[in-house]
Amino acid sequence: MQNQPIVVAYGMGVDSTAMLVGLHQRGIRPDLILFADTGGEKPDTYLYAPIIRQWLRDVDFPQFEVVRYRPPIAPYDSLYSECCKNRTLPSLAFRMKSCSIKWKQVPQDRRVQKWEPAMECWDAGILRQRDAD
């Protein structure tokens, strides 16, 4: 049986960084690491990127890829500017997850849907493809 590829949704925070360290400690190497950039992360998050990129090189992990939601027709290009334009808070403030789905899950799903190792597994019936729409 073919090995299933490992895709990591990396938030560049404490928990997801600890997950990468834990994978390394267990000898598990991800095949793809994705960072879904909402366009409004804290400045320290973006400043941390070169540090984690160096660590990924040091442990022979793939570099994380940045994915972003791109609104087809909208007067905004980030979660922050969408909230400002619509004069609202992110949906999490209302105990919902639509912003996370739109700005994080959808761009990561779209990247994986075009990723050859995932497509090979789906074609072989090893993994189920999830719709990103």
N, C-alpha and C. Protein backbone atom coordinates (compact mmCIF):
# COMPACT_ATOMS: atom_id res chain seq x y z
N MET A 1 0.82 -1.18 0.00
CA MET A 1 0.00 0.00 0.00
C MET A 1 0.87 1.25 0.00
N GLN A 2 0.45 2.24 -0.75
CA GLN A 2 1.17 3.50 -0.87
C GLN A 2 1.10 4.28 0.44
N ASN A 3 2.19 4.97 0.79
CA ASN A 3 2.18 5.81 2.00
C ASN A 3 1.28 7.01 1.79
N GLN A 4 0.55 7.37 2.82
CA GLN A 4 -0.28 8.56 2.76
C GLN A 4 0.57 9.78 3.05
N PRO A 5 0.46 10.81 2.21
CA PRO A 5 1.24 12.03 2.48
C PRO A 5 0.72 12.73 3.73
N ILE A 6 1.63 13.43 4.39
CA ILE A 6 1.29 14.17 5.60
C ILE A 6 1.31 15.65 5.27
N VAL A 7 0.16 16.30 5.46
CA VAL A 7 0.03 17.73 5.25
C VAL A 7 -0.22 18.38 6.60
N VAL A 8 0.55 19.41 6.90
CA VAL A 8 0.41 20.13 8.16
C VAL A 8 -0.18 21.51 7.89
N ALA A 9 -1.25 21.83 8.60
CA ALA A 9 -1.80 23.18 8.61
C ALA A 9 -1.08 23.92 9.72
N TYR A 10 -0.17 24.79 9.35
CA TYR A 10 0.70 25.45 10.30
C TYR A 10 0.25 26.88 10.56
N GLY A 11 -0.12 27.19 11.78
CA GLY A 11 -0.60 28.52 12.13
C GLY A 11 0.50 29.48 12.57
N MET A 12 1.71 28.98 12.71
CA MET A 12 2.89 29.73 13.13
C MET A 12 2.77 30.23 14.58
N GLY A 13 1.92 29.58 15.35
CA GLY A 13 1.79 29.91 16.76
C GLY A 13 2.45 28.85 17.63
N VAL A 14 2.24 28.97 18.92
CA VAL A 14 2.87 28.06 19.89
C VAL A 14 2.43 26.61 19.67
N ASP A 15 1.13 26.38 19.52
CA ASP A 15 0.64 25.00 19.41
C ASP A 15 1.11 24.31 18.13
N SER A 16 0.99 25.00 16.99
CA SER A 16 1.39 24.34 15.75
C SER A 16 2.91 24.20 15.65
N THR A 17 3.65 25.11 16.27
CA THR A 17 5.11 24.96 16.30
C THR A 17 5.48 23.76 17.17
N ALA A 18 4.79 23.61 18.31
CA ALA A 18 5.04 22.45 19.16
C ALA A 18 4.70 21.15 18.42
N MET A 19 3.67 21.19 17.59
CA MET A 19 3.32 20.01 16.80
C MET A 19 4.46 19.64 15.85
N LEU A 20 5.05 20.64 15.19
CA LEU A 20 6.17 20.36 14.28
C LEU A 20 7.36 19.78 15.06
N VAL A 21 7.65 20.35 16.21
CA VAL A 21 8.75 19.83 17.04
C VAL A 21 8.45 18.39 17.44
N GLY A 22 7.21 18.12 17.84
CA GLY A 22 6.82 16.77 18.22
C GLY A 22 6.94 15.78 17.07
N LEU A 23 6.57 16.21 15.88
CA LEU A 23 6.73 15.34 14.70
C LEU A 23 8.21 15.02 14.50
N HIS A 24 9.04 16.05 14.58
CA HIS A 24 10.48 15.83 14.41
C HIS A 24 11.03 14.88 15.47
N GLN A 25 10.63 15.06 16.71
CA GLN A 25 11.10 14.20 17.80
C GLN A 25 10.69 12.75 17.57
N ARG A 26 9.59 12.53 16.90
CA ARG A 26 9.10 11.17 16.63
C ARG A 26 9.58 10.62 15.29
N GLY A 27 10.41 11.39 14.60
CA GLY A 27 10.92 10.94 13.31
C GLY A 27 9.89 10.96 12.20
N ILE A 28 8.88 11.79 12.34
CA ILE A 28 7.83 11.91 11.32
C ILE A 28 8.07 13.20 10.54
N ARG A 29 8.23 13.04 9.22
CA ARG A 29 8.50 14.21 8.38
C ARG A 29 7.27 14.54 7.54
N PRO A 30 6.73 15.75 7.71
CA PRO A 30 5.60 16.13 6.86
C PRO A 30 6.04 16.28 5.41
N ASP A 31 5.09 16.10 4.51
CA ASP A 31 5.38 16.25 3.08
C ASP A 31 5.04 17.65 2.58
N LEU A 32 4.13 18.30 3.27
CA LEU A 32 3.70 19.64 2.87
C LEU A 32 3.27 20.39 4.13
N ILE A 33 3.75 21.62 4.27
CA ILE A 33 3.39 22.47 5.40
C ILE A 33 2.79 23.75 4.83
N LEU A 34 1.57 24.06 5.25
CA LEU A 34 0.86 25.23 4.73
C LEU A 34 0.56 26.24 5.84
N PHE A 35 0.82 27.49 5.55
CA PHE A 35 0.46 28.59 6.44
C PHE A 35 -0.58 29.43 5.73
N ALA A 36 -1.80 29.46 6.25
CA ALA A 36 -2.88 30.25 5.67
C ALA A 36 -2.81 31.66 6.24
N ASP A 37 -2.34 32.59 5.44
CA ASP A 37 -2.15 33.97 5.87
C ASP A 37 -3.44 34.74 5.64
N THR A 38 -4.03 35.23 6.73
CA THR A 38 -5.27 36.01 6.64
C THR A 38 -4.98 37.46 6.25
N GLY A 39 -3.71 37.82 6.19
CA GLY A 39 -3.33 39.19 5.87
C GLY A 39 -3.37 40.12 7.06
N GLY A 40 -3.69 39.58 8.23
CA GLY A 40 -3.80 40.42 9.40
C GLY A 40 -3.23 39.79 10.65
N GLU A 41 -2.21 38.96 10.47
CA GLU A 41 -1.58 38.34 11.64
C GLU A 41 -0.82 39.41 12.42
N LYS A 42 -0.50 39.10 13.66
CA LYS A 42 0.28 40.04 14.47
C LYS A 42 1.67 40.18 13.85
N PRO A 43 2.27 41.38 13.97
CA PRO A 43 3.61 41.59 13.40
C PRO A 43 4.63 40.55 13.86
N ASP A 44 4.55 40.14 15.12
CA ASP A 44 5.50 39.14 15.63
C ASP A 44 5.39 37.81 14.90
N THR A 45 4.19 37.49 14.45
CA THR A 45 4.01 36.24 13.69
C THR A 45 4.84 36.29 12.42
N TYR A 46 4.75 37.39 11.69
CA TYR A 46 5.51 37.52 10.45
C TYR A 46 7.02 37.60 10.74
N LEU A 47 7.40 38.22 11.86
CA LEU A 47 8.82 38.29 12.22
C LEU A 47 9.37 36.92 12.59
N TYR A 48 8.51 36.02 13.03
CA TYR A 48 8.93 34.67 13.40
C TYR A 48 9.20 33.78 12.18
N ALA A 49 8.64 34.13 11.05
CA ALA A 49 8.76 33.29 9.85
C ALA A 49 10.21 32.89 9.52
N PRO A 50 11.18 33.82 9.48
CA PRO A 50 12.55 33.41 9.15
C PRO A 50 13.15 32.44 10.17
N ILE A 51 12.74 32.56 11.41
CA ILE A 51 13.26 31.69 12.46
C ILE A 51 12.79 30.26 12.25
N ILE A 52 11.48 30.10 12.00
CA ILE A 52 10.97 28.75 11.79
C ILE A 52 11.45 28.19 10.45
N ARG A 53 11.61 29.05 9.45
CA ARG A 53 12.14 28.56 8.16
C ARG A 53 13.55 27.98 8.35
N GLN A 54 14.37 28.64 9.16
CA GLN A 54 15.72 28.12 9.42
C GLN A 54 15.64 26.79 10.16
N TRP A 55 14.77 26.68 11.14
CA TRP A 55 14.62 25.42 11.86
C TRP A 55 14.15 24.31 10.92
N LEU A 56 13.21 24.62 10.04
CA LEU A 56 12.73 23.62 9.08
C LEU A 56 13.89 23.13 8.20
N ARG A 57 14.76 24.05 7.78
CA ARG A 57 15.95 23.65 7.00
C ARG A 57 16.87 22.76 7.84
N ASP A 58 17.08 23.16 9.10
CA ASP A 58 17.99 22.43 9.98
C ASP A 58 17.54 20.98 10.22
N VAL A 59 16.23 20.76 10.26
CA VAL A 59 15.72 19.41 10.54
C VAL A 59 15.26 18.70 9.27
N ASP A 60 15.54 19.29 8.11
CA ASP A 60 15.21 18.70 6.81
C ASP A 60 13.70 18.49 6.63
N PHE A 61 12.93 19.47 7.07
CA PHE A 61 11.49 19.50 6.80
C PHE A 61 11.27 20.41 5.60
N PRO A 62 10.18 20.22 4.88
CA PRO A 62 9.89 21.15 3.78
C PRO A 62 9.57 22.54 4.33
N GLN A 63 9.88 23.55 3.55
CA GLN A 63 9.53 24.91 3.93
C GLN A 63 8.02 25.07 3.89
N PHE A 64 7.48 25.90 4.77
CA PHE A 64 6.04 26.11 4.71
C PHE A 64 5.70 26.98 3.50
N GLU A 65 4.58 26.68 2.92
CA GLU A 65 4.06 27.47 1.81
C GLU A 65 2.96 28.38 2.35
N VAL A 66 2.96 29.61 1.89
CA VAL A 66 1.93 30.56 2.28
C VAL A 66 0.79 30.48 1.28
N VAL A 67 -0.42 30.28 1.78
CA VAL A 67 -1.61 30.31 0.94
C VAL A 67 -2.52 31.41 1.46
N ARG A 68 -3.29 31.99 0.57
CA ARG A 68 -4.20 33.08 0.95
C ARG A 68 -5.51 32.96 0.21
N TYR A 69 -6.55 33.34 0.89
CA TYR A 69 -7.85 33.48 0.22
C TYR A 69 -7.81 34.75 -0.60
N ARG A 70 -8.23 34.65 -1.84
CA ARG A 70 -8.27 35.81 -2.73
C ARG A 70 -9.72 36.04 -3.15
N PRO A 71 -10.37 37.05 -2.57
CA PRO A 71 -11.76 37.30 -2.96
C PRO A 71 -11.84 37.62 -4.45
N PRO A 72 -12.75 36.97 -5.17
CA PRO A 72 -12.84 37.22 -6.61
C PRO A 72 -13.24 38.66 -6.94
N ILE A 73 -14.23 39.17 -6.22
CA ILE A 73 -14.65 40.55 -6.41
C ILE A 73 -15.02 41.07 -5.02
N ALA A 74 -14.16 41.91 -4.48
CA ALA A 74 -14.43 42.44 -3.15
C ALA A 74 -13.54 43.66 -2.91
N PRO A 75 -14.00 44.58 -2.09
CA PRO A 75 -13.20 45.76 -1.78
C PRO A 75 -12.22 45.53 -0.62
N TYR A 76 -11.83 44.28 -0.39
CA TYR A 76 -10.90 43.96 0.69
C TYR A 76 -10.00 42.82 0.24
N ASP A 77 -8.84 42.68 0.91
CA ASP A 77 -7.90 41.61 0.56
C ASP A 77 -7.34 40.90 1.79
N SER A 78 -7.96 41.14 2.95
CA SER A 78 -7.55 40.46 4.17
C SER A 78 -8.76 40.32 5.08
N LEU A 79 -8.65 39.44 6.05
CA LEU A 79 -9.72 39.28 7.03
C LEU A 79 -9.94 40.59 7.79
N TYR A 80 -8.86 41.23 8.15
CA TYR A 80 -8.97 42.50 8.87
C TYR A 80 -9.72 43.55 8.04
N SER A 81 -9.33 43.70 6.77
CA SER A 81 -10.00 44.72 5.95
C SER A 81 -11.44 44.33 5.64
N GLU A 82 -11.73 43.03 5.57
CA GLU A 82 -13.12 42.59 5.38
C GLU A 82 -13.96 43.00 6.59
N CYS A 83 -13.43 42.77 7.78
CA CYS A 83 -14.16 43.15 9.00
C CYS A 83 -14.36 44.66 9.08
N CYS A 84 -13.34 45.42 8.71
CA CYS A 84 -13.46 46.87 8.73
C CYS A 84 -14.51 47.34 7.71
N LYS A 85 -14.43 46.80 6.52
CA LYS A 85 -15.38 47.18 5.47
C LYS A 85 -16.82 46.85 5.87
N ASN A 86 -17.01 45.68 6.47
CA ASN A 86 -18.35 45.24 6.85
C ASN A 86 -18.76 45.71 8.25
N ARG A 87 -17.82 46.39 8.93
CA ARG A 87 -18.07 46.90 10.28
C ARG A 87 -18.57 45.80 11.23
N THR A 88 -17.78 44.74 11.27
CA THR A 88 -18.14 43.61 12.13
C THR A 88 -16.87 43.01 12.73
N LEU A 89 -17.05 42.07 13.60
CA LEU A 89 -15.94 41.31 14.17
C LEU A 89 -15.82 39.99 13.40
N PRO A 90 -14.67 39.32 13.49
CA PRO A 90 -14.57 37.99 12.91
C PRO A 90 -15.64 37.07 13.51
N SER A 91 -16.10 36.12 12.74
CA SER A 91 -17.22 35.27 13.17
C SER A 91 -16.93 34.52 14.47
N LEU A 92 -15.67 34.29 14.79
CA LEU A 92 -15.33 33.60 16.03
C LEU A 92 -15.86 34.36 17.26
N ALA A 93 -15.96 35.69 17.13
CA ALA A 93 -16.50 36.50 18.23
C ALA A 93 -17.95 36.14 18.51
N PHE A 94 -18.61 35.53 17.53
CA PHE A 94 -20.00 35.12 17.67
C PHE A 94 -20.13 33.60 17.77
N ARG A 95 -19.01 32.96 18.15
CA ARG A 95 -18.94 31.51 18.31
C ARG A 95 -19.21 30.74 17.01
N MET A 96 -18.81 31.33 15.90
CA MET A 96 -18.94 30.66 14.61
C MET A 96 -17.54 30.55 14.00
N LYS A 97 -17.42 29.84 12.90
CA LYS A 97 -16.10 29.59 12.31
C LYS A 97 -16.01 29.99 10.84
N SER A 98 -16.95 30.77 10.33
CA SER A 98 -16.96 31.04 8.89
C SER A 98 -15.70 31.78 8.42
N CYS A 99 -15.12 32.64 9.25
CA CYS A 99 -13.89 33.33 8.85
C CYS A 99 -12.73 32.35 8.73
N SER A 100 -12.62 31.43 9.68
CA SER A 100 -11.56 30.43 9.61
C SER A 100 -11.72 29.55 8.38
N ILE A 101 -12.94 29.19 8.09
CA ILE A 101 -13.19 28.36 6.91
C ILE A 101 -12.79 29.13 5.66
N LYS A 102 -13.26 30.35 5.54
CA LYS A 102 -13.02 31.17 4.34
C LYS A 102 -11.55 31.54 4.19
N TRP A 103 -10.91 32.02 5.25
CA TRP A 103 -9.56 32.58 5.16
C TRP A 103 -8.46 31.56 5.42
N LYS A 104 -8.78 30.41 6.01
CA LYS A 104 -7.74 29.42 6.31
C LYS A 104 -8.00 28.07 5.64
N GLN A 105 -9.17 27.47 5.90
CA GLN A 105 -9.43 26.13 5.37
C GLN A 105 -9.52 26.12 3.85
N VAL A 106 -10.27 27.03 3.27
CA VAL A 106 -10.48 27.02 1.82
C VAL A 106 -9.16 27.15 1.05
N PRO A 107 -8.29 28.12 1.38
CA PRO A 107 -7.04 28.21 0.60
C PRO A 107 -6.13 26.98 0.78
N GLN A 108 -6.15 26.38 1.97
CA GLN A 108 -5.33 25.18 2.17
C GLN A 108 -5.92 24.00 1.39
N ASP A 109 -7.23 23.85 1.43
CA ASP A 109 -7.87 22.77 0.66
C ASP A 109 -7.59 22.93 -0.83
N ARG A 110 -7.67 24.16 -1.31
CA ARG A 110 -7.42 24.39 -2.75
C ARG A 110 -5.98 24.03 -3.13
N ARG A 111 -5.04 24.33 -2.25
CA ARG A 111 -3.64 23.97 -2.54
C ARG A 111 -3.48 22.46 -2.57
N VAL A 112 -4.06 21.77 -1.60
CA VAL A 112 -3.93 20.31 -1.53
C VAL A 112 -4.61 19.66 -2.72
N GLN A 113 -5.72 20.22 -3.18
CA GLN A 113 -6.43 19.65 -4.33
C GLN A 113 -5.59 19.65 -5.60
N LYS A 114 -4.60 20.54 -5.67
CA LYS A 114 -3.72 20.62 -6.84
C LYS A 114 -2.37 19.96 -6.59
N TRP A 115 -2.20 19.35 -5.43
CA TRP A 115 -0.92 18.77 -5.03
C TRP A 115 -0.84 17.33 -5.52
N GLU A 116 0.15 17.03 -6.31
CA GLU A 116 0.28 15.73 -6.97
C GLU A 116 0.21 14.53 -6.02
N PRO A 117 0.93 14.50 -4.90
CA PRO A 117 0.84 13.34 -4.02
C PRO A 117 -0.58 13.08 -3.51
N ALA A 118 -1.34 14.13 -3.23
CA ALA A 118 -2.72 13.95 -2.79
C ALA A 118 -3.57 13.40 -3.92
N MET A 119 -3.39 13.96 -5.11
CA MET A 119 -4.18 13.48 -6.26
C MET A 119 -3.89 12.01 -6.56
N GLU A 120 -2.63 11.60 -6.40
CA GLU A 120 -2.28 10.19 -6.62
C GLU A 120 -2.98 9.29 -5.61
N CYS A 121 -3.04 9.73 -4.36
CA CYS A 121 -3.74 8.94 -3.33
C CYS A 121 -5.23 8.86 -3.62
N TRP A 122 -5.83 9.97 -4.02
CA TRP A 122 -7.25 9.96 -4.34
C TRP A 122 -7.53 9.04 -5.51
N ASP A 123 -6.66 9.11 -6.54
CA ASP A 123 -6.84 8.25 -7.72
C ASP A 123 -6.73 6.78 -7.34
N ALA A 124 -5.86 6.48 -6.37
CA ALA A 124 -5.67 5.09 -5.94
C ALA A 124 -6.72 4.66 -4.91
N GLY A 125 -7.60 5.60 -4.51
CA GLY A 125 -8.63 5.27 -3.54
C GLY A 125 -8.13 5.21 -2.11
N ILE A 126 -6.93 5.75 -1.86
CA ILE A 126 -6.34 5.68 -0.51
C ILE A 126 -6.94 6.73 0.40
N LEU A 127 -7.14 7.91 -0.11
CA LEU A 127 -7.70 9.01 0.67
C LEU A 127 -8.96 9.54 -0.01
N ARG A 128 -9.80 10.16 0.78
CA ARG A 128 -11.01 10.79 0.27
C ARG A 128 -10.73 12.27 0.05
N GLN A 129 -11.14 12.80 -1.09
CA GLN A 129 -10.95 14.22 -1.37
C GLN A 129 -12.11 14.99 -0.75
N ARG A 130 -11.77 16.09 -0.07
CA ARG A 130 -12.78 16.95 0.54
C ARG A 130 -12.97 18.16 -0.36
N ASP A 131 -14.19 18.50 -0.62
CA ASP A 131 -14.48 19.67 -1.44
C ASP A 131 -14.09 20.92 -0.69
N ALA A 132 -13.49 21.88 -1.41
CA ALA A 132 -13.08 23.14 -0.80
C ALA A 132 -14.12 24.23 -1.03
N ASP A 133 -15.16 23.91 -1.71
CA ASP A 133 -16.16 24.96 -2.00
C ASP A 133 -17.11 25.14 -0.90
